[in-house]
Amino acid sequence: MPLWQVYHPVGAYSEEQKRGFAEDVTQFYARFGLPKFYVVTLFHAVPRASFLVGGVPSDDTVRVVIEHIARHAEDSGLRERMSEALARLLAAHTGDRGLHCEFHIDETPRDQWMIDGLRPPPTGSEAEQLWAQDNRPVPY
């Protein structure tokens, strides 16, 4: 499960822009075989007076906290390529719109994750493919 928490200025994104942003995030992971329902994107509008960067109020900054749970990148080269790809994805929704963006990725151990009381199936397994096809968790 990738969990994206997007902290942004109030009014930075319309409902339609949020949906487009979340769809781009979802497609990024789906192309690697993750079920779409694994991907959760939360938008948090933060008032200028409560969004301080270097102690100064900001109304043009987006801060993204990404938690990777379903997949982990073990190889440093792969982590770098993934970070660069995510930076490009984010640029379309931030920098290209005049917003400053910063992000980081945390990785949560897979054995500390469940959906509807089910442990996720092994990566690439037939059960995971079924979850992706049905777009929901099913007992296996």
N, C-alpha and C. Protein backbone atom coordinates (compact mmCIF):
# COMPACT_ATOMS: atom_id res chain seq x y z
N MET A 1 0.85 -1.18 0.00
CA MET A 1 0.00 0.00 0.00
C MET A 1 0.89 1.23 0.00
N PRO A 2 0.80 2.03 -1.01
CA PRO A 2 1.37 3.37 -0.90
C PRO A 2 0.31 4.29 -0.27
N LEU A 3 0.71 4.97 0.75
CA LEU A 3 -0.15 5.98 1.39
C LEU A 3 0.52 7.32 1.16
N TRP A 4 -0.17 8.20 0.46
CA TRP A 4 0.34 9.54 0.19
C TRP A 4 -0.45 10.54 1.03
N GLN A 5 0.27 11.34 1.80
CA GLN A 5 -0.34 12.43 2.55
C GLN A 5 0.20 13.72 1.92
N VAL A 6 -0.70 14.48 1.32
CA VAL A 6 -0.33 15.69 0.59
C VAL A 6 -0.79 16.90 1.42
N TYR A 7 0.16 17.62 1.98
CA TYR A 7 -0.12 18.82 2.75
C TYR A 7 0.07 20.00 1.81
N HIS A 8 -0.97 20.83 1.68
CA HIS A 8 -0.94 21.88 0.66
C HIS A 8 -1.66 23.13 1.16
N PRO A 9 -1.40 24.27 0.53
CA PRO A 9 -2.12 25.50 0.90
C PRO A 9 -3.61 25.36 0.61
N VAL A 10 -4.40 26.04 1.41
CA VAL A 10 -5.85 26.08 1.19
C VAL A 10 -6.10 26.62 -0.23
N GLY A 11 -6.96 25.96 -0.97
CA GLY A 11 -7.32 26.40 -2.31
C GLY A 11 -6.33 26.02 -3.40
N ALA A 12 -5.27 25.29 -3.06
CA ALA A 12 -4.27 24.93 -4.07
C ALA A 12 -4.83 23.96 -5.11
N TYR A 13 -5.77 23.11 -4.69
CA TYR A 13 -6.31 22.10 -5.59
C TYR A 13 -7.83 22.09 -5.54
N SER A 14 -8.42 22.05 -6.72
CA SER A 14 -9.87 21.85 -6.82
C SER A 14 -10.15 20.36 -6.63
N GLU A 15 -11.41 20.01 -6.50
CA GLU A 15 -11.77 18.60 -6.37
C GLU A 15 -11.30 17.82 -7.60
N GLU A 16 -11.48 18.41 -8.77
CA GLU A 16 -11.06 17.76 -10.01
C GLU A 16 -9.54 17.59 -10.06
N GLN A 17 -8.79 18.60 -9.62
CA GLN A 17 -7.33 18.50 -9.61
C GLN A 17 -6.86 17.43 -8.62
N LYS A 18 -7.53 17.32 -7.48
CA LYS A 18 -7.18 16.26 -6.52
C LYS A 18 -7.39 14.89 -7.14
N ARG A 19 -8.50 14.72 -7.83
CA ARG A 19 -8.79 13.43 -8.46
C ARG A 19 -7.75 13.10 -9.52
N GLY A 20 -7.35 14.09 -10.32
CA GLY A 20 -6.33 13.86 -11.33
C GLY A 20 -4.98 13.51 -10.71
N PHE A 21 -4.64 14.22 -9.65
CA PHE A 21 -3.40 13.96 -8.91
C PHE A 21 -3.43 12.52 -8.39
N ALA A 22 -4.51 12.16 -7.69
CA ALA A 22 -4.63 10.82 -7.12
C ALA A 22 -4.63 9.74 -8.20
N GLU A 23 -5.23 10.03 -9.34
CA GLU A 23 -5.24 9.06 -10.44
C GLU A 23 -3.82 8.85 -10.97
N ASP A 24 -3.04 9.92 -11.10
CA ASP A 24 -1.66 9.78 -11.55
C ASP A 24 -0.85 8.94 -10.56
N VAL A 25 -1.06 9.18 -9.27
CA VAL A 25 -0.37 8.40 -8.24
C VAL A 25 -0.77 6.93 -8.36
N THR A 26 -2.05 6.68 -8.48
CA THR A 26 -2.56 5.31 -8.57
C THR A 26 -1.98 4.60 -9.80
N GLN A 27 -1.99 5.26 -10.94
CA GLN A 27 -1.47 4.65 -12.17
C GLN A 27 0.02 4.35 -12.06
N PHE A 28 0.76 5.20 -11.35
CA PHE A 28 2.19 4.96 -11.16
C PHE A 28 2.42 3.58 -10.57
N TYR A 29 1.66 3.25 -9.53
CA TYR A 29 1.84 1.97 -8.84
C TYR A 29 1.16 0.81 -9.56
N ALA A 30 0.01 1.06 -10.17
CA ALA A 30 -0.72 0.00 -10.87
C ALA A 30 0.10 -0.59 -12.00
N ARG A 31 0.93 0.21 -12.62
CA ARG A 31 1.73 -0.31 -13.74
C ARG A 31 2.78 -1.32 -13.27
N PHE A 32 3.02 -1.37 -11.95
CA PHE A 32 3.94 -2.36 -11.39
C PHE A 32 3.18 -3.54 -10.78
N GLY A 33 1.88 -3.61 -11.06
CA GLY A 33 1.10 -4.74 -10.63
C GLY A 33 0.39 -4.60 -9.29
N LEU A 34 0.51 -3.45 -8.64
CA LEU A 34 -0.20 -3.28 -7.38
C LEU A 34 -1.69 -3.09 -7.63
N PRO A 35 -2.52 -3.72 -6.81
CA PRO A 35 -3.96 -3.45 -6.92
C PRO A 35 -4.22 -1.96 -6.69
N LYS A 36 -5.11 -1.39 -7.48
CA LYS A 36 -5.38 0.05 -7.36
C LYS A 36 -5.88 0.42 -5.97
N PHE A 37 -6.64 -0.47 -5.31
CA PHE A 37 -7.17 -0.12 -4.01
C PHE A 37 -6.08 -0.04 -2.93
N TYR A 38 -4.87 -0.50 -3.24
CA TYR A 38 -3.75 -0.33 -2.31
C TYR A 38 -3.38 1.14 -2.16
N VAL A 39 -3.62 1.93 -3.20
CA VAL A 39 -3.13 3.31 -3.26
C VAL A 39 -4.14 4.25 -2.60
N VAL A 40 -3.69 4.94 -1.56
CA VAL A 40 -4.52 5.90 -0.84
C VAL A 40 -3.83 7.26 -0.89
N THR A 41 -4.55 8.27 -1.31
CA THR A 41 -4.03 9.63 -1.38
C THR A 41 -4.92 10.53 -0.54
N LEU A 42 -4.34 11.15 0.46
CA LEU A 42 -5.09 12.05 1.35
C LEU A 42 -4.59 13.47 1.15
N PHE A 43 -5.51 14.40 1.00
CA PHE A 43 -5.16 15.81 0.83
C PHE A 43 -5.51 16.56 2.11
N HIS A 44 -4.53 17.31 2.60
CA HIS A 44 -4.69 18.09 3.83
C HIS A 44 -4.45 19.56 3.50
N ALA A 45 -5.52 20.36 3.49
CA ALA A 45 -5.38 21.79 3.24
C ALA A 45 -4.91 22.45 4.54
N VAL A 46 -3.82 23.21 4.46
CA VAL A 46 -3.24 23.84 5.64
C VAL A 46 -3.25 25.36 5.45
N PRO A 47 -3.87 26.09 6.38
CA PRO A 47 -3.87 27.56 6.26
C PRO A 47 -2.44 28.12 6.31
N ARG A 48 -2.24 29.23 5.64
CA ARG A 48 -0.92 29.87 5.56
C ARG A 48 -0.28 30.05 6.93
N ALA A 49 -1.07 30.50 7.91
CA ALA A 49 -0.52 30.75 9.24
C ALA A 49 -0.08 29.46 9.95
N SER A 50 -0.53 28.31 9.44
CA SER A 50 -0.17 27.03 10.05
C SER A 50 0.82 26.23 9.21
N PHE A 51 1.24 26.76 8.06
CA PHE A 51 2.19 26.07 7.18
C PHE A 51 3.46 26.90 7.17
N LEU A 52 4.35 26.58 8.07
CA LEU A 52 5.57 27.36 8.22
C LEU A 52 6.77 26.59 7.67
N VAL A 53 7.52 27.23 6.82
CA VAL A 53 8.72 26.65 6.24
C VAL A 53 9.89 27.52 6.70
N GLY A 54 10.78 26.94 7.46
CA GLY A 54 11.88 27.72 8.02
C GLY A 54 11.39 28.77 8.99
N GLY A 55 10.24 28.50 9.61
CA GLY A 55 9.66 29.43 10.58
C GLY A 55 8.85 30.55 9.96
N VAL A 56 8.70 30.53 8.63
CA VAL A 56 8.00 31.60 7.92
C VAL A 56 6.73 31.03 7.27
N PRO A 57 5.58 31.71 7.42
CA PRO A 57 4.36 31.22 6.78
C PRO A 57 4.52 31.10 5.27
N SER A 58 3.94 30.02 4.72
CA SER A 58 4.05 29.77 3.28
C SER A 58 2.68 29.49 2.69
N ASP A 59 2.45 30.01 1.50
CA ASP A 59 1.22 29.69 0.78
C ASP A 59 1.52 29.14 -0.61
N ASP A 60 2.77 28.67 -0.80
CA ASP A 60 3.11 28.10 -2.09
C ASP A 60 3.91 26.80 -1.96
N THR A 61 3.76 26.12 -0.82
CA THR A 61 4.53 24.91 -0.57
C THR A 61 3.61 23.70 -0.44
N VAL A 62 4.04 22.61 -1.04
CA VAL A 62 3.35 21.33 -0.90
C VAL A 62 4.36 20.36 -0.29
N ARG A 63 3.96 19.70 0.77
CA ARG A 63 4.82 18.71 1.45
C ARG A 63 4.13 17.37 1.36
N VAL A 64 4.82 16.38 0.81
CA VAL A 64 4.23 15.06 0.58
C VAL A 64 4.99 14.02 1.39
N VAL A 65 4.24 13.27 2.18
CA VAL A 65 4.79 12.16 2.96
C VAL A 65 4.26 10.88 2.32
N ILE A 66 5.16 10.05 1.84
CA ILE A 66 4.79 8.81 1.15
C ILE A 66 5.22 7.63 2.01
N GLU A 67 4.28 6.74 2.25
CA GLU A 67 4.59 5.52 3.00
C GLU A 67 4.44 4.34 2.06
N HIS A 68 5.53 3.61 1.87
CA HIS A 68 5.50 2.40 1.05
C HIS A 68 5.40 1.20 1.98
N ILE A 69 4.38 0.39 1.76
CA ILE A 69 4.14 -0.76 2.62
C ILE A 69 4.12 -2.04 1.76
N ALA A 70 3.44 -2.00 0.63
CA ALA A 70 3.27 -3.19 -0.21
C ALA A 70 4.56 -3.59 -0.92
N ARG A 71 5.39 -2.64 -1.26
CA ARG A 71 6.65 -2.90 -1.95
C ARG A 71 7.75 -2.06 -1.32
N HIS A 72 8.94 -2.62 -1.30
CA HIS A 72 10.11 -1.89 -0.83
C HIS A 72 11.20 -1.98 -1.88
N ALA A 73 11.89 -0.89 -2.07
CA ALA A 73 13.00 -0.86 -3.01
C ALA A 73 14.29 -1.13 -2.22
N GLU A 74 14.85 -2.30 -2.42
CA GLU A 74 16.05 -2.71 -1.66
C GLU A 74 17.33 -2.13 -2.26
N ASP A 75 17.36 -1.95 -3.54
CA ASP A 75 18.55 -1.51 -4.25
C ASP A 75 18.62 0.02 -4.28
N SER A 76 19.77 0.59 -3.95
CA SER A 76 19.89 2.06 -3.90
C SER A 76 19.66 2.69 -5.26
N GLY A 77 20.10 2.03 -6.33
CA GLY A 77 19.86 2.56 -7.68
C GLY A 77 18.38 2.59 -8.01
N LEU A 78 17.67 1.55 -7.62
CA LEU A 78 16.22 1.51 -7.84
C LEU A 78 15.53 2.60 -7.03
N ARG A 79 15.97 2.80 -5.78
CA ARG A 79 15.38 3.86 -4.95
C ARG A 79 15.60 5.23 -5.58
N GLU A 80 16.78 5.46 -6.12
CA GLU A 80 17.05 6.74 -6.77
C GLU A 80 16.17 6.93 -8.01
N ARG A 81 16.05 5.90 -8.84
CA ARG A 81 15.21 6.00 -10.04
C ARG A 81 13.75 6.22 -9.67
N MET A 82 13.30 5.53 -8.62
CA MET A 82 11.91 5.69 -8.18
C MET A 82 11.69 7.12 -7.67
N SER A 83 12.62 7.63 -6.87
CA SER A 83 12.48 9.00 -6.36
C SER A 83 12.45 10.01 -7.50
N GLU A 84 13.27 9.80 -8.50
CA GLU A 84 13.28 10.70 -9.66
C GLU A 84 11.96 10.62 -10.42
N ALA A 85 11.42 9.41 -10.59
CA ALA A 85 10.14 9.24 -11.28
C ALA A 85 9.02 9.91 -10.48
N LEU A 86 9.04 9.76 -9.16
CA LEU A 86 8.02 10.39 -8.33
C LEU A 86 8.16 11.91 -8.36
N ALA A 87 9.39 12.41 -8.43
CA ALA A 87 9.59 13.85 -8.53
C ALA A 87 8.98 14.39 -9.82
N ARG A 88 9.11 13.64 -10.91
CA ARG A 88 8.50 14.06 -12.18
C ARG A 88 6.98 14.03 -12.07
N LEU A 89 6.44 12.99 -11.45
CA LEU A 89 4.99 12.90 -11.27
C LEU A 89 4.51 14.11 -10.46
N LEU A 90 5.20 14.41 -9.37
CA LEU A 90 4.81 15.53 -8.51
C LEU A 90 4.94 16.87 -9.22
N ALA A 91 5.94 17.02 -10.06
CA ALA A 91 6.16 18.30 -10.73
C ALA A 91 4.94 18.73 -11.53
N ALA A 92 4.25 17.78 -12.13
CA ALA A 92 3.06 18.11 -12.92
C ALA A 92 1.96 18.71 -12.05
N HIS A 93 1.99 18.41 -10.76
CA HIS A 93 0.94 18.88 -9.85
C HIS A 93 1.44 19.95 -8.88
N THR A 94 2.71 20.28 -8.98
CA THR A 94 3.28 21.28 -8.05
C THR A 94 4.12 22.29 -8.82
N GLY A 95 5.35 21.96 -9.11
CA GLY A 95 6.28 22.89 -9.75
C GLY A 95 5.75 23.50 -11.03
N ASP A 96 5.09 22.69 -11.84
CA ASP A 96 4.52 23.20 -13.10
C ASP A 96 3.38 24.18 -12.84
N ARG A 97 2.88 24.21 -11.59
CA ARG A 97 1.79 25.12 -11.20
C ARG A 97 2.32 26.24 -10.29
N GLY A 98 3.65 26.35 -10.19
CA GLY A 98 4.24 27.41 -9.38
C GLY A 98 4.31 27.11 -7.90
N LEU A 99 4.16 25.85 -7.53
CA LEU A 99 4.23 25.46 -6.12
C LEU A 99 5.57 24.79 -5.82
N HIS A 100 6.14 25.13 -4.69
CA HIS A 100 7.35 24.48 -4.21
C HIS A 100 6.95 23.12 -3.65
N CYS A 101 7.75 22.08 -3.87
CA CYS A 101 7.38 20.73 -3.41
C CYS A 101 8.57 20.04 -2.76
N GLU A 102 8.27 19.38 -1.66
CA GLU A 102 9.24 18.52 -1.00
C GLU A 102 8.53 17.22 -0.65
N PHE A 103 9.23 16.09 -0.77
CA PHE A 103 8.64 14.81 -0.40
C PHE A 103 9.70 13.89 0.19
N HIS A 104 9.22 12.92 0.93
CA HIS A 104 10.09 11.83 1.38
C HIS A 104 9.27 10.55 1.43
N ILE A 105 10.00 9.44 1.45
CA ILE A 105 9.37 8.12 1.44
C ILE A 105 9.81 7.36 2.68
N ASP A 106 8.83 6.82 3.41
CA ASP A 106 9.09 5.90 4.51
C ASP A 106 8.66 4.51 4.05
N GLU A 107 9.33 3.49 4.56
CA GLU A 107 8.95 2.12 4.25
C GLU A 107 8.55 1.41 5.53
N THR A 108 7.32 0.90 5.55
CA THR A 108 6.77 0.19 6.69
C THR A 108 6.94 -1.31 6.45
N PRO A 109 7.34 -2.07 7.45
CA PRO A 109 7.46 -3.52 7.24
C PRO A 109 6.13 -4.13 6.80
N ARG A 110 6.19 -4.95 5.80
CA ARG A 110 5.00 -5.57 5.22
C ARG A 110 4.23 -6.41 6.23
N ASP A 111 4.93 -7.01 7.19
CA ASP A 111 4.25 -7.87 8.16
C ASP A 111 3.46 -7.07 9.20
N GLN A 112 3.49 -5.75 9.11
CA GLN A 112 2.72 -4.91 10.03
C GLN A 112 1.56 -4.22 9.30
N TRP A 113 1.00 -4.92 8.33
CA TRP A 113 -0.04 -4.35 7.49
C TRP A 113 -1.12 -5.39 7.23
N MET A 114 -2.37 -4.98 7.35
CA MET A 114 -3.51 -5.85 7.05
C MET A 114 -4.61 -5.00 6.41
N ILE A 115 -5.46 -5.65 5.62
CA ILE A 115 -6.63 -5.00 5.04
C ILE A 115 -7.83 -5.89 5.36
N ASP A 116 -8.82 -5.32 6.00
CA ASP A 116 -10.01 -6.07 6.38
C ASP A 116 -9.66 -7.38 7.09
N GLY A 117 -8.63 -7.33 7.92
CA GLY A 117 -8.22 -8.50 8.70
C GLY A 117 -7.43 -9.53 7.91
N LEU A 118 -7.09 -9.21 6.66
CA LEU A 118 -6.33 -10.13 5.81
C LEU A 118 -4.90 -9.64 5.64
N ARG A 119 -3.96 -10.56 5.73
CA ARG A 119 -2.58 -10.21 5.38
C ARG A 119 -2.51 -10.14 3.86
N PRO A 120 -1.76 -9.20 3.33
CA PRO A 120 -1.67 -9.10 1.87
C PRO A 120 -0.98 -10.33 1.29
N PRO A 121 -1.39 -10.74 0.10
CA PRO A 121 -0.74 -11.89 -0.52
C PRO A 121 0.69 -11.57 -0.92
N PRO A 122 1.50 -12.60 -1.10
CA PRO A 122 2.89 -12.37 -1.51
C PRO A 122 2.98 -11.61 -2.83
N THR A 123 4.02 -10.82 -2.96
CA THR A 123 4.27 -10.04 -4.16
C THR A 123 4.29 -10.92 -5.40
N GLY A 124 3.50 -10.55 -6.40
CA GLY A 124 3.48 -11.26 -7.67
C GLY A 124 2.74 -12.58 -7.66
N SER A 125 2.16 -12.95 -6.54
CA SER A 125 1.46 -14.23 -6.45
C SER A 125 0.14 -14.19 -7.21
N GLU A 126 -0.43 -15.39 -7.43
CA GLU A 126 -1.75 -15.46 -8.07
C GLU A 126 -2.79 -14.74 -7.23
N ALA A 127 -2.66 -14.85 -5.89
CA ALA A 127 -3.61 -14.17 -5.00
C ALA A 127 -3.52 -12.66 -5.17
N GLU A 128 -2.30 -12.13 -5.28
CA GLU A 128 -2.16 -10.68 -5.47
C GLU A 128 -2.74 -10.27 -6.82
N GLN A 129 -2.53 -11.09 -7.83
CA GLN A 129 -3.10 -10.79 -9.14
C GLN A 129 -4.62 -10.79 -9.08
N LEU A 130 -5.19 -11.70 -8.29
CA LEU A 130 -6.64 -11.72 -8.10
C LEU A 130 -7.11 -10.45 -7.40
N TRP A 131 -6.37 -10.02 -6.38
CA TRP A 131 -6.71 -8.77 -5.68
C TRP A 131 -6.70 -7.61 -6.67
N ALA A 132 -5.69 -7.58 -7.55
CA ALA A 132 -5.59 -6.50 -8.54
C ALA A 132 -6.75 -6.58 -9.53
N GLN A 133 -7.07 -7.79 -9.98
CA GLN A 133 -8.16 -7.97 -10.94
C GLN A 133 -9.51 -7.56 -10.33
N ASP A 134 -9.77 -7.99 -9.09
CA ASP A 134 -11.05 -7.68 -8.43
C ASP A 134 -11.06 -6.30 -7.81
N ASN A 135 -9.88 -5.70 -7.67
CA ASN A 135 -9.70 -4.39 -7.03
C ASN A 135 -10.31 -4.35 -5.62
N ARG A 136 -10.06 -5.44 -4.89
CA ARG A 136 -10.50 -5.53 -3.50
C ARG A 136 -9.82 -6.73 -2.86
N PRO A 137 -9.70 -6.72 -1.54
CA PRO A 137 -9.11 -7.87 -0.87
C PRO A 137 -10.09 -9.04 -0.82
N VAL A 138 -9.60 -10.23 -1.11
CA VAL A 138 -10.43 -11.44 -1.02
C VAL A 138 -9.60 -12.51 -0.30
N PRO A 139 -10.25 -13.33 0.51
CA PRO A 139 -9.49 -14.40 1.20
C PRO A 139 -8.78 -15.29 0.19
N TYR A 140 -7.63 -15.75 0.57
CA TYR A 140 -6.87 -16.65 -0.31
C TYR A 140 -6.28 -17.77 0.50
